[in-house]
Amino acid sequence: MKIGIPKSLVYWKRPYFWENFFENLGFEVLLSPRTNKEIVEIGVKISDPETCFSCKVYFGHLKWLEGKCDLIFVPRLKRKGNLEYCPKFFGLPDLAKILVKTKILTETFDEKKERFEESLVKLGEKLGKNKEEIKEAFEKALIKEKEIKAKQEKETLEKINSNSKKIILISHPYNLYDEYVNLRIKERLERLGVVPIFIEEIPNSKSQIPNKFQIQNSNLPSFHWEFAKEIMEKIDFILAKKIDGAIEISSFACGCDAVLKEFVEKKFKEKNIPFLYLVIDEHTGEAGFQTRLEAFIDTIS
């Protein structure tokens, strides 16, 4: 049996974990390719105009997988502890069943109601696997995931502690890691002579955040979104280091980002750190994008 996974949106919440998990269970996994013009155009064509750009890209990946596998995995991510994921994630499996003819494999992950491992067992049982097989597959995938994260965090800390000019890139992982979506911003910044640092790769262990007191006693609201709370905590960590500038990237029509942006910008402006807000969608032009980056880097040179 071949299981397809759209390499977009929810995939990047736990990259590499899902394909390792299914492969450990003995299934063949087919990842959709890197985002390209064709995938974006397909996603835009089948989406409602009000749909955020990130979801449009995801729908394009879904359509690419249609007919190429036996099942397409689309998890329903609801809550991580008491914190909610983006509301758009809740309905993805239902939309997927409408958009593609290939059967959708799904399970609800709501950690306020039950542990992630318990939901994972339900998912594995749908594939005919027993608890022992599922537990073993999970543990192997978890070890691999931790190894990858530890390597990323080590490399990121080395960048943070270097003497180079550093720009922190703030966004959701599905924007940061998708080079087509973000117009290769990492590569562009490196060519401009600065070191880009993904906020996603900054350690989020509370023990590594030097100004915990500031976080706990901040006058900022208590966010109920999982990504918002994590981003704000990591910003507090990075502000204790020497950072030359910050760039926030947001998908057009992202309601959550529209709220979060004001608080993110306030954090950096309080420290007099240059801040740039970029909105991306299917119409974003490379020339204008490059010009804005160059102008921003000129302000910190």
Protein backbone atom coordinates (compact mmCIF):
# COMPACT_ATOMS: atom_id res chain seq x y z
CA MET A 1 0.00 0.00 0.00
CA LYS A 2 1.23 3.47 -0.91
CA ILE A 3 0.41 6.46 1.32
CA GLY A 4 0.68 9.95 -0.14
CA ILE A 5 1.59 12.97 1.98
CA PRO A 6 1.17 16.55 0.70
CA LYS A 7 4.49 18.28 1.40
CA SER A 8 2.86 21.52 2.44
CA LEU A 9 1.05 23.27 5.31
CA VAL A 10 0.43 20.70 8.12
CA TYR A 11 3.32 18.51 6.90
CA TRP A 12 5.79 21.14 8.10
CA LYS A 13 4.43 21.05 11.65
CA ARG A 14 6.30 17.76 12.05
CA PRO A 15 8.48 17.33 8.96
CA TYR A 16 10.11 13.92 8.44
CA PHE A 17 8.09 12.40 11.30
CA TRP A 18 5.11 11.19 9.30
CA GLU A 19 6.96 9.54 6.44
CA ASN A 20 9.25 7.80 8.94
CA PHE A 21 6.26 6.61 10.96
CA PHE A 22 4.45 5.09 7.98
CA GLU A 23 7.63 3.58 6.57
CA ASN A 24 8.34 2.00 9.97
CA LEU A 25 4.90 0.40 9.74
CA GLY A 26 5.92 -1.14 6.41
CA PHE A 27 4.11 1.15 3.98
CA GLU A 28 5.47 2.90 0.91
CA VAL A 29 5.32 6.68 1.20
CA LEU A 30 4.95 9.16 -1.65
CA LEU A 31 5.67 12.79 -0.84
CA SER A 32 4.43 15.43 -3.23
CA PRO A 33 7.33 17.35 -4.83
CA ARG A 34 8.61 20.78 -3.92
CA THR A 35 6.09 23.49 -4.61
CA ASN A 36 6.25 24.72 -8.20
CA LYS A 37 4.29 26.99 -10.49
CA GLU A 38 2.00 24.20 -11.70
CA ILE A 39 1.06 23.11 -8.17
CA VAL A 40 0.28 26.70 -7.12
CA GLU A 41 -1.82 27.34 -10.21
CA ILE A 42 -3.86 24.17 -9.60
CA GLY A 43 -4.42 25.09 -5.96
CA VAL A 44 -5.46 28.64 -6.80
CA LYS A 45 -7.87 27.41 -9.47
CA ILE A 46 -9.81 25.13 -7.14
CA SER A 47 -9.81 27.47 -4.12
CA ASP A 48 -12.29 30.04 -2.95
CA PRO A 49 -10.96 33.63 -3.34
CA GLU A 50 -11.09 34.09 0.45
CA THR A 51 -8.82 31.10 1.08
CA CYS A 52 -5.40 31.97 2.49
CA PHE A 53 -2.42 31.47 0.18
CA SER A 54 -0.98 28.63 2.30
CA CYS A 55 -4.17 26.58 1.93
CA LYS A 56 -4.23 27.22 -1.81
CA VAL A 57 -0.73 25.77 -2.06
CA TYR A 58 -1.79 22.76 0.04
CA PHE A 59 -4.73 22.05 -2.24
CA GLY A 60 -2.36 22.04 -5.20
CA HIS A 61 -0.23 19.40 -3.48
CA LEU A 62 -3.37 17.35 -2.79
CA LYS A 63 -4.34 17.38 -6.45
CA TRP A 64 -0.82 16.38 -7.48
CA LEU A 65 -1.11 13.22 -5.35
CA GLU A 66 -4.55 12.30 -6.67
CA GLY A 67 -4.45 8.93 -8.42
CA LYS A 68 -0.78 8.34 -7.60
CA CYS A 69 -1.30 6.50 -4.29
CA ASP A 70 -3.82 4.36 -2.42
CA LEU A 71 -4.39 6.79 0.44
CA ILE A 72 -3.62 10.46 1.04
CA PHE A 73 -2.81 11.30 4.65
CA VAL A 74 -4.48 14.49 5.91
CA PRO A 75 -4.44 14.76 9.73
CA ARG A 76 -6.98 16.87 11.59
CA LEU A 77 -4.83 18.97 13.94
CA LYS A 78 -6.90 20.65 16.63
CA ARG A 79 -4.98 21.26 19.84
CA LYS A 80 -1.50 20.84 21.26
CA GLY A 81 -2.14 20.73 24.99
CA ASN A 82 -4.51 23.63 25.68
CA LEU A 83 -3.33 25.58 22.63
CA GLU A 84 -5.22 25.53 19.34
CA TYR A 85 -3.80 25.13 15.86
CA CYS A 86 -5.01 27.40 13.07
CA PRO A 87 -8.80 26.87 12.60
CA LYS A 88 -8.17 26.17 8.89
CA PHE A 89 -6.43 22.93 9.95
CA PHE A 90 -9.63 21.60 11.51
CA GLY A 91 -11.49 21.15 8.26
CA LEU A 92 -8.67 20.01 5.95
CA PRO A 93 -9.70 16.31 5.85
CA ASP A 94 -13.28 17.24 4.96
CA LEU A 95 -12.16 19.59 2.19
CA ALA A 96 -9.68 16.99 0.92
CA LYS A 97 -12.49 14.44 0.53
CA ILE A 98 -14.32 16.91 -1.69
CA LEU A 99 -11.31 17.98 -3.76
CA VAL A 100 -9.77 14.59 -4.64
CA LYS A 101 -11.15 11.16 -5.50
CA THR A 102 -8.32 9.25 -3.82
CA LYS A 103 -9.34 7.96 -0.37
CA ILE A 104 -8.29 10.20 2.54
CA LEU A 105 -6.58 8.72 5.58
CA THR A 106 -7.14 10.90 8.63
CA GLU A 107 -7.25 11.01 12.42
CA THR A 108 -8.02 13.81 14.85
CA PHE A 109 -5.15 14.98 17.05
CA ASP A 110 -6.59 16.87 19.99
CA GLU A 111 -4.12 16.67 22.85
CA LYS A 112 -6.52 18.35 25.26
CA LYS A 113 -8.74 15.29 24.98
CA GLU A 114 -6.15 12.52 24.56
CA ARG A 115 -2.41 12.09 24.27
CA PHE A 116 -0.80 12.23 20.83
CA GLU A 117 0.28 8.58 21.17
CA GLU A 118 -3.31 7.46 21.78
CA SER A 119 -4.52 9.19 18.63
CA LEU A 120 -1.59 7.66 16.76
CA VAL A 121 -2.70 4.17 17.84
CA LYS A 122 -6.16 4.85 16.38
CA LEU A 123 -4.53 5.94 13.13
CA GLY A 124 -2.35 2.83 12.97
CA GLU A 125 -5.27 0.54 13.71
CA LYS A 126 -7.09 1.95 10.68
CA LEU A 127 -4.17 0.54 8.69
CA GLY A 128 -4.49 -2.89 10.28
CA LYS A 129 -1.56 -2.59 12.68
CA ASN A 130 -1.51 -3.62 16.35
CA LYS A 131 -0.48 -1.46 19.31
CA GLU A 132 2.99 -3.00 19.60
CA GLU A 133 3.78 -2.31 15.94
CA ILE A 134 2.44 1.23 16.20
CA LYS A 135 4.39 1.95 19.40
CA GLU A 136 7.64 0.70 17.87
CA ALA A 137 7.08 2.72 14.67
CA PHE A 138 6.33 5.83 16.75
CA GLU A 139 9.42 5.49 18.93
CA LYS A 140 11.72 5.06 15.92
CA ALA A 141 10.17 8.07 14.15
CA LEU A 142 10.44 10.14 17.35
CA ILE A 143 14.15 9.33 17.75
CA LYS A 144 14.79 10.38 14.14
CA GLU A 145 12.80 13.58 14.62
CA LYS A 146 14.74 14.49 17.78
CA GLU A 147 18.07 13.89 16.00
CA ILE A 148 17.11 16.22 13.16
CA LYS A 149 15.85 18.93 15.54
CA ALA A 150 18.94 18.71 17.74
CA LYS A 151 21.19 19.17 14.69
CA GLN A 152 19.14 22.15 13.46
CA GLU A 153 19.17 23.82 16.87
CA LYS A 154 22.91 23.34 17.27
CA GLU A 155 23.60 24.93 13.88
CA THR A 156 21.18 27.77 14.67
CA LEU A 157 22.83 28.54 18.01
CA GLU A 158 26.19 28.71 16.24
CA LYS A 159 24.74 31.27 13.81
CA ILE A 160 23.18 33.28 16.65
CA ASN A 161 26.48 33.45 18.52
CA SER A 162 28.53 34.38 15.45
CA ASN A 163 29.75 37.91 14.70
CA SER A 164 27.95 38.07 11.36
CA LYS A 165 25.03 40.37 10.59
CA LYS A 166 21.96 38.32 11.50
CA ILE A 167 18.35 38.54 10.37
CA ILE A 168 15.67 36.55 12.15
CA LEU A 169 12.99 35.19 9.79
CA ILE A 170 9.60 34.87 11.49
CA SER A 171 6.80 32.84 9.96
CA HIS A 172 5.06 29.49 9.97
CA PRO A 173 7.31 26.57 9.01
CA TYR A 174 5.33 25.98 5.81
CA ASN A 175 6.39 29.45 4.66
CA LEU A 176 9.98 29.27 5.90
CA TYR A 177 10.83 25.90 4.35
CA ASP A 178 9.00 26.29 1.05
CA GLU A 179 11.46 28.07 -1.22
CA TYR A 180 8.92 28.62 -4.00
CA VAL A 181 6.41 30.20 -1.63
CA ASN A 182 8.92 32.55 0.02
CA LEU A 183 10.73 33.32 -3.26
CA ARG A 184 14.00 31.82 -1.93
CA ILE A 185 14.34 34.50 0.74
CA LYS A 186 17.09 32.61 2.56
CA GLU A 187 19.24 32.51 -0.56
CA ARG A 188 18.52 36.17 -1.35
CA LEU A 189 19.54 37.32 2.13
CA GLU A 190 22.74 35.29 2.03
CA ARG A 191 23.65 36.96 -1.27
CA LEU A 192 23.12 40.33 0.42
CA GLY A 193 25.73 39.41 3.00
CA VAL A 194 23.60 38.60 6.05
CA VAL A 195 22.90 35.37 7.94
CA PRO A 196 19.20 34.40 7.94
CA ILE A 197 17.96 32.50 11.00
CA PHE A 198 14.64 30.63 10.96
CA ILE A 199 12.67 31.20 14.15
CA GLU A 200 11.36 27.64 13.78
CA GLU A 201 14.86 26.30 14.48
CA ILE A 202 15.47 28.34 17.64
CA PRO A 203 15.34 26.12 20.76
CA ASN A 204 12.01 26.48 22.52
CA SER A 205 12.99 24.76 25.76
CA LYS A 206 12.03 27.08 28.61
CA SER A 207 15.34 26.28 30.30
CA GLN A 208 17.19 27.90 27.41
CA ILE A 209 15.22 31.15 27.50
CA PRO A 210 17.22 33.59 29.66
CA ASN A 211 14.43 36.08 30.30
CA LYS A 212 11.59 33.82 31.40
CA PHE A 213 10.52 36.43 33.95
CA GLN A 214 9.94 38.88 31.13
CA ILE A 215 7.80 36.37 29.26
CA GLN A 216 5.66 35.48 32.25
CA ASN A 217 5.17 39.10 33.30
CA SER A 218 4.76 40.61 29.86
CA ASN A 219 1.79 42.88 29.18
CA LEU A 220 1.13 40.90 26.01
CA PRO A 221 -2.08 38.84 25.81
CA SER A 222 -2.08 35.11 26.52
CA PHE A 223 -2.36 33.64 23.03
CA HIS A 224 -4.52 30.54 22.57
CA TRP A 225 -2.84 29.71 19.24
CA GLU A 226 -0.03 27.20 19.46
CA PHE A 227 2.19 28.94 16.89
CA ALA A 228 1.65 32.43 18.37
CA LYS A 229 2.72 31.46 21.88
CA GLU A 230 5.77 29.61 20.53
CA ILE A 231 6.83 32.51 18.29
CA MET A 232 6.52 35.08 21.08
CA GLU A 233 8.59 32.93 23.47
CA LYS A 234 11.30 32.44 20.86
CA ILE A 235 11.36 36.16 20.16
CA ASP A 236 12.08 36.78 23.84
CA PHE A 237 14.98 34.34 23.57
CA ILE A 238 16.40 35.93 20.42
CA LEU A 239 16.09 39.48 21.82
CA ALA A 240 18.60 38.55 24.49
CA LYS A 241 21.12 37.99 21.68
CA LYS A 242 22.62 40.38 19.15
CA ILE A 243 20.24 40.53 16.19
CA ASP A 244 20.51 43.15 13.43
CA GLY A 245 17.01 42.90 12.00
CA ALA A 246 13.80 40.89 11.77
CA ILE A 247 11.58 39.95 8.84
CA GLU A 248 8.09 38.51 9.28
CA ILE A 249 6.60 36.64 6.32
CA SER A 250 2.84 36.16 6.13
CA SER A 251 0.55 34.44 3.65
CA PHE A 252 -2.08 36.71 2.17
CA ALA A 253 -5.45 36.37 3.96
CA CYS A 254 -3.98 34.72 7.05
CA GLY A 255 -6.28 35.96 9.81
CA CYS A 256 -4.09 34.70 12.65
CA ASP A 257 -1.02 36.51 11.32
CA ALA A 258 -2.98 39.74 10.95
CA VAL A 259 -3.41 39.76 14.74
CA LEU A 260 0.02 38.41 15.68
CA LYS A 261 1.94 40.85 13.48
CA GLU A 262 1.20 43.85 15.71
CA PHE A 263 2.66 42.16 18.78
CA VAL A 264 5.70 40.80 16.94
CA GLU A 265 6.52 44.22 15.50
CA LYS A 266 6.09 45.87 18.90
CA LYS A 267 8.66 43.50 20.44
CA PHE A 268 11.38 44.47 17.98
CA LYS A 269 10.57 48.16 17.89
CA GLU A 270 10.91 48.31 21.67
CA LYS A 271 14.51 47.17 21.18
CA ASN A 272 15.06 49.52 18.18
CA ILE A 273 15.66 46.55 15.89
CA PRO A 274 14.67 47.15 12.22
CA PHE A 275 11.56 45.18 11.28
CA LEU A 276 10.11 44.32 7.86
CA TYR A 277 6.70 42.74 7.21
CA LEU A 278 6.26 40.88 3.92
CA VAL A 279 2.98 39.46 2.60
CA ILE A 280 3.22 36.70 -0.02
CA ASP A 281 0.66 35.27 -2.41
CA GLU A 282 0.40 33.89 -5.93
CA HIS A 283 0.84 37.39 -7.35
CA THR A 284 4.02 38.36 -5.49
CA GLY A 285 6.61 39.62 -7.97
CA GLU A 286 10.28 38.75 -7.58
CA ALA A 287 11.53 42.19 -8.61
CA GLY A 288 9.54 44.09 -5.98
CA PHE A 289 10.37 41.47 -3.38
CA GLN A 290 14.09 41.79 -4.05
CA THR A 291 13.92 45.59 -3.95
CA ARG A 292 12.29 45.56 -0.53
CA LEU A 293 14.91 43.17 0.83
CA GLU A 294 17.77 45.27 -0.53
CA ALA A 295 16.29 48.47 0.92
CA PHE A 296 15.84 46.77 4.29
CA ILE A 297 19.41 45.45 4.40
CA ASP A 298 20.65 48.95 3.54
CA THR A 299 19.01 50.24 6.75
CA ILE A 300 21.09 47.89 8.92
CA SER A 301 24.40 48.21 7.05
